[in-house]
């Protein structure tokens, strides 16, 4: 640890700072991502200790700007899991005026899923697109390919026009395929992980990284909030 005494690192913010320093030292310039994109990818590596993400994360050219603009406007975010919702803490998003919803346990969504014979994740997207007001500006999908596939169907049909899709469903059935479809379209900005990898923690921490940038832009100089070790960072 470059001469750092492990017993000297006790506080969460110190652990985080040292973790980020290590990541920066192990990914020297020139890096495959720069500026705000690197802040997002570095946070994702911090969450997983997975440096393979350097080859897998994909950004739409307008993703950073679109995400920051939506967050700064106090948008609504919809996640496909309670884990992702919990991983985007109120203390980070409330100062921006943002709210996070997960509809997976909503009684109407559960009834819709049963009536349609589909997954709750797909039904939750239908509910969010058709009934949720204000319309979600950011969709955070880290688990369910059916949610991402259904959202892309709504986008193609002109029924949904989110500011940003964080598309990172994980797994072996339609996960890579759903993300390939997301990457193939250019109409909606996205942050995605190519292939099978992903997950709720990664999706949440990508949003957290954007939120920290947005907060730093509005906070007094030197008082930008920092994440804490142990969350979806």
C-alpha atoms as a PDB file:
ATOM      1  CA  UNK A   1       0.000   0.000   0.000  1.00  0.00           C
ATOM      2  CA  UNK A   2       2.839   2.316  -0.931  1.00  0.00           C
ATOM      3  CA  UNK A   3       4.106   2.691   2.616  1.00  0.00           C
ATOM      4  CA  UNK A   4       0.706   3.470   4.120  1.00  0.00           C
ATOM      5  CA  UNK A   5       0.213   1.888   7.527  1.00  0.00           C
ATOM      6  CA  UNK A   6      -3.015  -0.112   7.398  1.00  0.00           C
ATOM      7  CA  UNK A   7      -3.810   0.915  10.972  1.00  0.00           C
ATOM      8  CA  UNK A   8      -3.709   4.570   9.924  1.00  0.00           C
ATOM      9  CA  UNK A   9      -6.715   4.063   7.637  1.00  0.00           C
ATOM     10  CA  UNK A  10      -9.764   3.873   9.870  1.00  0.00           C
ATOM     11  CA  UNK A  11     -12.405   6.249   8.560  1.00  0.00           C
ATOM     12  CA  UNK A  12     -14.646   5.438   5.613  1.00  0.00           C
ATOM     13  CA  UNK A  13     -13.607   8.515   3.656  1.00  0.00           C
ATOM     14  CA  UNK A  14      -9.923   7.644   4.140  1.00  0.00           C
ATOM     15  CA  UNK A  15     -10.494   4.094   2.931  1.00  0.00           C
ATOM     16  CA  UNK A  16     -12.311   5.402  -0.120  1.00  0.00           C
ATOM     17  CA  UNK A  17      -9.617   7.958  -0.901  1.00  0.00           C
ATOM     18  CA  UNK A  18      -6.888   5.329  -0.640  1.00  0.00           C
ATOM     19  CA  UNK A  19      -8.896   2.922  -2.811  1.00  0.00           C
ATOM     20  CA  UNK A  20      -9.305   5.537  -5.531  1.00  0.00           C
ATOM     21  CA  UNK A  21      -5.613   6.428  -5.303  1.00  0.00           C
ATOM     22  CA  UNK A  22      -4.695   2.782  -5.831  1.00  0.00           C
ATOM     23  CA  UNK A  23      -6.998   2.534  -8.849  1.00  0.00           C
ATOM     24  CA  UNK A  24      -5.486   5.677 -10.357  1.00  0.00           C
ATOM     25  CA  UNK A  25      -1.990   4.295  -9.811  1.00  0.00           C
ATOM     26  CA  UNK A  26      -2.836   0.957 -11.422  1.00  0.00           C
ATOM     27  CA  UNK A  27      -4.464   2.584 -14.459  1.00  0.00           C
ATOM     28  CA  UNK A  28      -1.880   5.144 -15.545  1.00  0.00           C
ATOM     29  CA  UNK A  29      -2.333   7.722 -18.262  1.00  0.00           C
ATOM     30  CA  UNK A  30      -3.296   7.570 -21.014  1.00  0.00           C
ATOM     31  CA  UNK A  31      -6.486   5.941 -19.765  1.00  0.00           C
ATOM     32  CA  UNK A  32      -9.244   4.557 -22.012  1.00  0.00           C
ATOM     33  CA  UNK A  33     -11.668   7.021 -20.399  1.00  0.00           C
ATOM     34  CA  UNK A  34     -11.126  10.674 -19.563  1.00  0.00           C
ATOM     35  CA  UNK A  35     -12.783  13.354 -17.448  1.00  0.00           C
ATOM     36  CA  UNK A  36     -16.215  12.529 -16.108  1.00  0.00           C
ATOM     37  CA  UNK A  37     -16.246   9.190 -17.916  1.00  0.00           C
ATOM     38  CA  UNK A  38     -13.191   8.144 -15.908  1.00  0.00           C
ATOM     39  CA  UNK A  39     -14.872   9.237 -12.686  1.00  0.00           C
ATOM     40  CA  UNK A  40     -17.771   6.929 -13.490  1.00  0.00           C
ATOM     41  CA  UNK A  41     -15.624   3.973 -14.533  1.00  0.00           C
ATOM     42  CA  UNK A  42     -13.256   4.446 -11.585  1.00  0.00           C
ATOM     43  CA  UNK A  43     -16.253   4.329  -9.230  1.00  0.00           C
ATOM     44  CA  UNK A  44     -17.402   1.117 -10.904  1.00  0.00           C
ATOM     45  CA  UNK A  45     -13.962  -0.445 -10.464  1.00  0.00           C
ATOM     46  CA  UNK A  46     -13.983   0.726  -6.855  1.00  0.00           C
ATOM     47  CA  UNK A  47     -17.291  -1.073  -6.304  1.00  0.00           C
ATOM     48  CA  UNK A  48     -16.189  -4.374  -7.841  1.00  0.00           C
ATOM     49  CA  UNK A  49     -12.361  -4.445  -7.877  1.00  0.00           C
ATOM     50  CA  UNK A  50     -12.828  -5.581 -11.482  1.00  0.00           C
ATOM     51  CA  UNK A  51     -10.361  -3.952 -13.864  1.00  0.00           C
ATOM     52  CA  UNK A  52     -11.880  -5.804 -16.824  1.00  0.00           C
ATOM     53  CA  UNK A  53     -14.497  -3.052 -16.803  1.00  0.00           C
ATOM     54  CA  UNK A  54     -11.879  -0.901 -18.525  1.00  0.00           C
ATOM     55  CA  UNK A  55     -12.654  -2.897 -21.665  1.00  0.00           C
ATOM     56  CA  UNK A  56     -16.398  -3.261 -21.200  1.00  0.00           C
ATOM     57  CA  UNK A  57     -18.010   0.049 -20.180  1.00  0.00           C
ATOM     58  CA  UNK A  58     -19.649   1.933 -23.030  1.00  0.00           C
ATOM     59  CA  UNK A  59     -20.820   5.545 -23.098  1.00  0.00           C
ATOM     60  CA  UNK A  60     -23.166   7.182 -25.571  1.00  0.00           C
ATOM     61  CA  UNK A  61     -21.461  10.425 -26.684  1.00  0.00           C
ATOM     62  CA  UNK A  62     -24.091  12.476 -24.840  1.00  0.00           C
ATOM     63  CA  UNK A  63     -24.423  10.250 -21.767  1.00  0.00           C
ATOM     64  CA  UNK A  64     -22.519  12.371 -19.266  1.00  0.00           C
ATOM     65  CA  UNK A  65     -24.093  15.663 -20.282  1.00  0.00           C
ATOM     66  CA  UNK A  66     -27.590  14.174 -20.436  1.00  0.00           C
ATOM     67  CA  UNK A  67     -27.236  12.458 -17.065  1.00  0.00           C
ATOM     68  CA  UNK A  68     -25.884  15.548 -15.317  1.00  0.00           C
ATOM     69  CA  UNK A  69     -28.584  17.734 -16.807  1.00  0.00           C
ATOM     70  CA  UNK A  70     -31.334  15.356 -15.684  1.00  0.00           C
ATOM     71  CA  UNK A  71     -29.941  15.050 -12.161  1.00  0.00           C
ATOM     72  CA  UNK A  72     -29.471  18.801 -11.815  1.00  0.00           C
ATOM     73  CA  UNK A  73     -33.107  19.307 -12.814  1.00  0.00           C
ATOM     74  CA  UNK A  74     -34.356  17.136  -9.947  1.00  0.00           C
ATOM     75  CA  UNK A  75     -35.464  14.185 -12.049  1.00  0.00           C
ATOM     76  CA  UNK A  76     -37.195  10.929 -11.194  1.00  0.00           C
ATOM     77  CA  UNK A  77     -35.130   7.757 -11.474  1.00  0.00           C
ATOM     78  CA  UNK A  78     -36.586   4.257 -11.777  1.00  0.00           C
ATOM     79  CA  UNK A  79     -34.567   1.176 -10.830  1.00  0.00           C
ATOM     80  CA  UNK A  80     -35.337  -2.456 -11.522  1.00  0.00           C
ATOM     81  CA  UNK A  81     -34.340  -3.661  -8.039  1.00  0.00           C
ATOM     82  CA  UNK A  82     -34.656  -2.538  -4.446  1.00  0.00           C
ATOM     83  CA  UNK A  83     -30.923  -3.141  -4.130  1.00  0.00           C
ATOM     84  CA  UNK A  84     -30.180  -0.522  -6.788  1.00  0.00           C
ATOM     85  CA  UNK A  85     -32.673   1.880  -5.242  1.00  0.00           C
ATOM     86  CA  UNK A  86     -31.051   1.484  -1.824  1.00  0.00           C
ATOM     87  CA  UNK A  87     -27.633   1.898  -3.411  1.00  0.00           C
ATOM     88  CA  UNK A  88     -28.504   5.426  -4.557  1.00  0.00           C
ATOM     89  CA  UNK A  89     -28.850   7.052  -1.116  1.00  0.00           C
ATOM     90  CA  UNK A  90     -31.213   9.881  -0.395  1.00  0.00           C
ATOM     91  CA  UNK A  91     -28.400  11.938   1.134  1.00  0.00           C
ATOM     92  CA  UNK A  92     -26.769  12.083  -2.291  1.00  0.00           C
ATOM     93  CA  UNK A  93     -29.833  12.600  -4.505  1.00  0.00           C
ATOM     94  CA  UNK A  94     -32.160  14.643  -2.276  1.00  0.00           C
ATOM     95  CA  UNK A  95     -29.944  17.766  -2.449  1.00  0.00           C
ATOM     96  CA  UNK A  96     -30.465  17.633  -6.218  1.00  0.00           C
ATOM     97  CA  UNK A  97     -34.224  17.288  -5.793  1.00  0.00           C
ATOM     98  CA  UNK A  98     -34.188  13.788  -7.292  1.00  0.00           C
ATOM     99  CA  UNK A  99     -36.271  10.802  -6.248  1.00  0.00           C
ATOM    100  CA  UNK A 100     -35.687   7.111  -6.893  1.00  0.00           C
ATOM    101  CA  UNK A 101     -38.499   4.634  -7.408  1.00  0.00           C
ATOM    102  CA  UNK A 102     -38.511   0.854  -7.587  1.00  0.00           C
ATOM    103  CA  UNK A 103     -41.872  -0.506  -8.646  1.00  0.00           C
ATOM    104  CA  UNK A 104     -41.202  -4.216  -8.281  1.00  0.00           C
ATOM    105  CA  UNK A 105     -43.325  -4.509  -5.125  1.00  0.00           C
ATOM    106  CA  UNK A 106     -46.074  -2.169  -6.255  1.00  0.00           C
ATOM    107  CA  UNK A 107     -49.428  -4.031  -6.035  1.00  0.00           C
ATOM    108  CA  UNK A 108     -50.559  -2.730  -9.430  1.00  0.00           C
ATOM    109  CA  UNK A 109     -47.320  -3.879 -11.034  1.00  0.00           C
ATOM    110  CA  UNK A 110     -47.659  -7.294  -9.455  1.00  0.00           C
ATOM    111  CA  UNK A 111     -51.232  -7.564 -10.710  1.00  0.00           C
ATOM    112  CA  UNK A 112     -50.184  -6.385 -14.175  1.00  0.00           C
ATOM    113  CA  UNK A 113     -47.403  -8.970 -14.283  1.00  0.00           C
ATOM    114  CA  UNK A 114     -49.805 -11.758 -13.371  1.00  0.00           C
ATOM    115  CA  UNK A 115     -52.411 -10.622 -15.888  1.00  0.00           C
ATOM    116  CA  UNK A 116     -49.852 -10.355 -18.683  1.00  0.00           C
ATOM    117  CA  UNK A 117     -47.991 -13.528 -17.762  1.00  0.00           C
ATOM    118  CA  UNK A 118     -44.718 -11.583 -17.819  1.00  0.00           C
ATOM    119  CA  UNK A 119     -41.950 -10.765 -15.386  1.00  0.00           C
ATOM    120  CA  UNK A 120     -42.533  -8.074 -12.796  1.00  0.00           C
ATOM    121  CA  UNK A 121     -39.519  -6.244 -14.232  1.00  0.00           C
ATOM    122  CA  UNK A 122     -41.227  -5.945 -17.613  1.00  0.00           C
ATOM    123  CA  UNK A 123     -44.547  -4.958 -16.026  1.00  0.00           C
ATOM    124  CA  UNK A 124     -42.764  -2.348 -13.901  1.00  0.00           C
ATOM    125  CA  UNK A 125     -41.376  -0.710 -17.032  1.00  0.00           C
ATOM    126  CA  UNK A 126     -44.855  -0.648 -18.565  1.00  0.00           C
ATOM    127  CA  UNK A 127     -46.205   0.975 -15.421  1.00  0.00           C
ATOM    128  CA  UNK A 128     -43.386   3.521 -15.303  1.00  0.00           C
ATOM    129  CA  UNK A 129     -43.789   4.487 -18.942  1.00  0.00           C
ATOM    130  CA  UNK A 130     -47.567   4.581 -19.044  1.00  0.00           C
ATOM    131  CA  UNK A 131     -48.624   5.721 -15.584  1.00  0.00           C
ATOM    132  CA  UNK A 132     -45.781   7.251 -13.599  1.00  0.00           C
ATOM    133  CA  UNK A 133     -45.771  11.027 -13.337  1.00  0.00           C
ATOM    134  CA  UNK A 134     -43.481  12.830 -13.738  1.00  0.00           C
ATOM    135  CA  UNK A 135     -42.057  10.590 -16.412  1.00  0.00           C
ATOM    136  CA  UNK A 136     -38.795   8.950 -15.325  1.00  0.00           C
ATOM    137  CA  UNK A 137     -35.765  10.695 -16.795  1.00  0.00           C
ATOM    138  CA  UNK A 138     -33.236   8.016 -15.856  1.00  0.00           C
ATOM    139  CA  UNK A 139     -33.774   4.258 -15.895  1.00  0.00           C
ATOM    140  CA  UNK A 140     -31.298   2.269 -13.796  1.00  0.00           C
ATOM    141  CA  UNK A 141     -31.363  -1.378 -14.903  1.00  0.00           C
ATOM    142  CA  UNK A 142     -28.806  -3.655 -13.279  1.00  0.00           C
ATOM    143  CA  UNK A 143     -30.573  -6.974 -13.024  1.00  0.00           C
ATOM    144  CA  UNK A 144     -33.393  -7.699 -15.450  1.00  0.00           C
ATOM    145  CA  UNK A 145     -32.826  -8.006 -19.209  1.00  0.00           C
ATOM    146  CA  UNK A 146     -36.606  -8.126 -19.650  1.00  0.00           C
ATOM    147  CA  UNK A 147     -36.808  -4.608 -18.205  1.00  0.00           C
ATOM    148  CA  UNK A 148     -34.217  -3.266 -20.630  1.00  0.00           C
ATOM    149  CA  UNK A 149     -35.751  -5.052 -23.611  1.00  0.00           C
ATOM    150  CA  UNK A 150     -39.208  -3.707 -22.775  1.00  0.00           C
ATOM    151  CA  UNK A 151     -37.905  -0.182 -22.262  1.00  0.00           C
ATOM    152  CA  UNK A 152     -36.224  -0.289 -25.665  1.00  0.00           C
ATOM    153  CA  UNK A 153     -39.526  -1.401 -27.195  1.00  0.00           C
ATOM    154  CA  UNK A 154     -41.218   1.647 -25.671  1.00  0.00           C
ATOM    155  CA  UNK A 155     -38.423   3.895 -26.950  1.00  0.00           C
ATOM    156  CA  UNK A 156     -38.688   2.509 -30.468  1.00  0.00           C
ATOM    157  CA  UNK A 157     -42.461   2.987 -30.435  1.00  0.00           C
ATOM    158  CA  UNK A 158     -42.095   6.594 -29.280  1.00  0.00           C
ATOM    159  CA  UNK A 159     -43.761   5.968 -25.930  1.00  0.00           C
ATOM    160  CA  UNK A 160     -40.664   6.687 -23.827  1.00  0.00           C
ATOM    161  CA  UNK A 161     -37.919   9.259 -24.180  1.00  0.00           C
ATOM    162  CA  UNK A 162     -35.704   9.062 -21.090  1.00  0.00           C
ATOM    163  CA  UNK A 163     -32.716  11.343 -20.684  1.00  0.00           C
ATOM    164  CA  UNK A 164     -30.442   8.419 -19.846  1.00  0.00           C
ATOM    165  CA  UNK A 165     -30.518   4.644 -19.607  1.00  0.00           C
ATOM    166  CA  UNK A 166     -28.030   2.999 -17.260  1.00  0.00           C
ATOM    167  CA  UNK A 167     -28.221  -0.460 -18.797  1.00  0.00           C
ATOM    168  CA  UNK A 168     -26.234  -3.092 -16.911  1.00  0.00           C
ATOM    169  CA  UNK A 169     -28.348  -6.240 -16.511  1.00  0.00           C
ATOM    170  CA  UNK A 170     -26.228  -9.178 -15.405  1.00  0.00           C
ATOM    171  CA  UNK A 171     -26.506 -12.834 -16.294  1.00  0.00           C
ATOM    172  CA  UNK A 172     -26.601 -15.491 -18.986  1.00  0.00           C
ATOM    173  CA  UNK A 173     -30.080 -15.229 -20.538  1.00  0.00           C
ATOM    174  CA  UNK A 174     -30.565 -12.136 -22.718  1.00  0.00           C
ATOM    175  CA  UNK A 175     -28.277  -9.962 -20.594  1.00  0.00           C
ATOM    176  CA  UNK A 176     -25.615  -9.475 -23.261  1.00  0.00           C
ATOM    177  CA  UNK A 177     -28.241  -9.431 -26.004  1.00  0.00           C
ATOM    178  CA  UNK A 178     -30.340  -6.717 -24.357  1.00  0.00           C
ATOM    179  CA  UNK A 179     -27.278  -4.533 -23.882  1.00  0.00           C
ATOM    180  CA  UNK A 180     -26.238  -5.093 -27.492  1.00  0.00           C
ATOM    181  CA  UNK A 181     -29.607  -3.693 -28.564  1.00  0.00           C
ATOM    182  CA  UNK A 182     -29.108  -0.702 -26.285  1.00  0.00           C
ATOM    183  CA  UNK A 183     -25.684  -0.029 -27.794  1.00  0.00           C
ATOM    184  CA  UNK A 184     -27.075  -0.413 -31.317  1.00  0.00           C
ATOM    185  CA  UNK A 185     -29.469   2.508 -30.917  1.00  0.00           C
ATOM    186  CA  UNK A 186     -28.335   6.135 -30.843  1.00  0.00           C
ATOM    187  CA  UNK A 187     -31.523   7.990 -29.924  1.00  0.00           C
ATOM    188  CA  UNK A 188     -31.243   7.649 -26.129  1.00  0.00           C
ATOM    189  CA  UNK A 189     -28.013   8.298 -24.203  1.00  0.00           C
ATOM    190  CA  UNK A 190     -26.755   5.307 -22.254  1.00  0.00           C
ATOM    191  CA  UNK A 191     -24.068   4.022 -19.951  1.00  0.00           C
ATOM    192  CA  UNK A 192     -23.747   0.268 -20.390  1.00  0.00           C
ATOM    193  CA  UNK A 193     -21.520  -2.746 -19.815  1.00  0.00           C
ATOM    194  CA  UNK A 194     -20.920  -4.945 -22.815  1.00  0.00           C
ATOM    195  CA  UNK A 195     -21.398  -8.665 -22.352  1.00  0.00           C
ATOM    196  CA  UNK A 196     -22.663 -10.654 -19.375  1.00  0.00           C
ATOM    197  CA  UNK A 197     -21.294  -8.573 -16.521  1.00  0.00           C
ATOM    198  CA  UNK A 198     -23.332  -5.999 -14.646  1.00  0.00           C
ATOM    199  CA  UNK A 199     -25.515  -5.890 -11.571  1.00  0.00           C
ATOM    200  CA  UNK A 200     -27.475  -3.581  -9.315  1.00  0.00           C
ATOM    201  CA  UNK A 201     -24.418  -2.308  -7.452  1.00  0.00           C
ATOM    202  CA  UNK A 202     -22.688  -1.310 -10.670  1.00  0.00           C
ATOM    203  CA  UNK A 203     -25.764   0.426 -12.047  1.00  0.00           C
ATOM    204  CA  UNK A 204     -26.272   2.328  -8.804  1.00  0.00           C
ATOM    205  CA  UNK A 205     -22.657   3.395  -8.465  1.00  0.00           C
ATOM    206  CA  UNK A 206     -22.629   4.788 -12.009  1.00  0.00           C
ATOM    207  CA  UNK A 207     -25.488   7.076 -11.012  1.00  0.00           C
ATOM    208  CA  UNK A 208     -23.740   7.934  -7.750  1.00  0.00           C
ATOM    209  CA  UNK A 209     -20.657   9.015  -9.661  1.00  0.00           C
ATOM    210  CA  UNK A 210     -22.767  11.315 -11.831  1.00  0.00           C
ATOM    211  CA  UNK A 211     -24.570  12.651  -8.764  1.00  0.00           C
ATOM    212  CA  UNK A 212     -21.269  13.485  -7.081  1.00  0.00           C
ATOM    213  CA  UNK A 213     -20.217  15.460 -10.148  1.00  0.00           C
ATOM    214  CA  UNK A 214     -23.543  17.287 -10.207  1.00  0.00           C
ATOM    215  CA  UNK A 215     -23.322  18.046  -6.488  1.00  0.00           C
ATOM    216  CA  UNK A 216     -19.756  19.308  -6.844  1.00  0.00           C
ATOM    217  CA  UNK A 217     -20.944  21.744  -9.494  1.00  0.00           C
ATOM    218  CA  UNK A 218     -23.551  23.283  -7.191  1.00  0.00           C
ATOM    219  CA  UNK A 219     -21.796  22.921  -3.804  1.00  0.00           C
ATOM    220  CA  UNK A 220     -19.506  25.565  -2.304  1.00  0.00           C
ATOM    221  CA  UNK A 221     -15.928  24.989  -3.358  1.00  0.00           C
ATOM    222  CA  UNK A 222     -14.242  22.399  -1.195  1.00  0.00           C
ATOM    223  CA  UNK A 223     -17.486  21.035   0.267  1.00  0.00           C
ATOM    224  CA  UNK A 224     -18.536  18.528  -2.337  1.00  0.00           C
ATOM    225  CA  UNK A 225     -19.978  15.416  -0.658  1.00  0.00           C
ATOM    226  CA  UNK A 226     -18.070  12.168  -0.850  1.00  0.00           C
ATOM    227  CA  UNK A 227     -19.408   8.633  -0.959  1.00  0.00           C
ATOM    228  CA  UNK A 228     -18.839   6.177   1.836  1.00  0.00           C
ATOM    229  CA  UNK A 229     -17.256   2.784   1.767  1.00  0.00           C
ATOM    230  CA  UNK A 230     -19.738  -0.079   1.889  1.00  0.00           C
ATOM    231  CA  UNK A 231     -22.517   1.474  -0.190  1.00  0.00           C
ATOM    232  CA  UNK A 232     -22.933   1.006  -3.912  1.00  0.00           C
ATOM    233  CA  UNK A 233     -20.471   3.873  -3.867  1.00  0.00           C
END
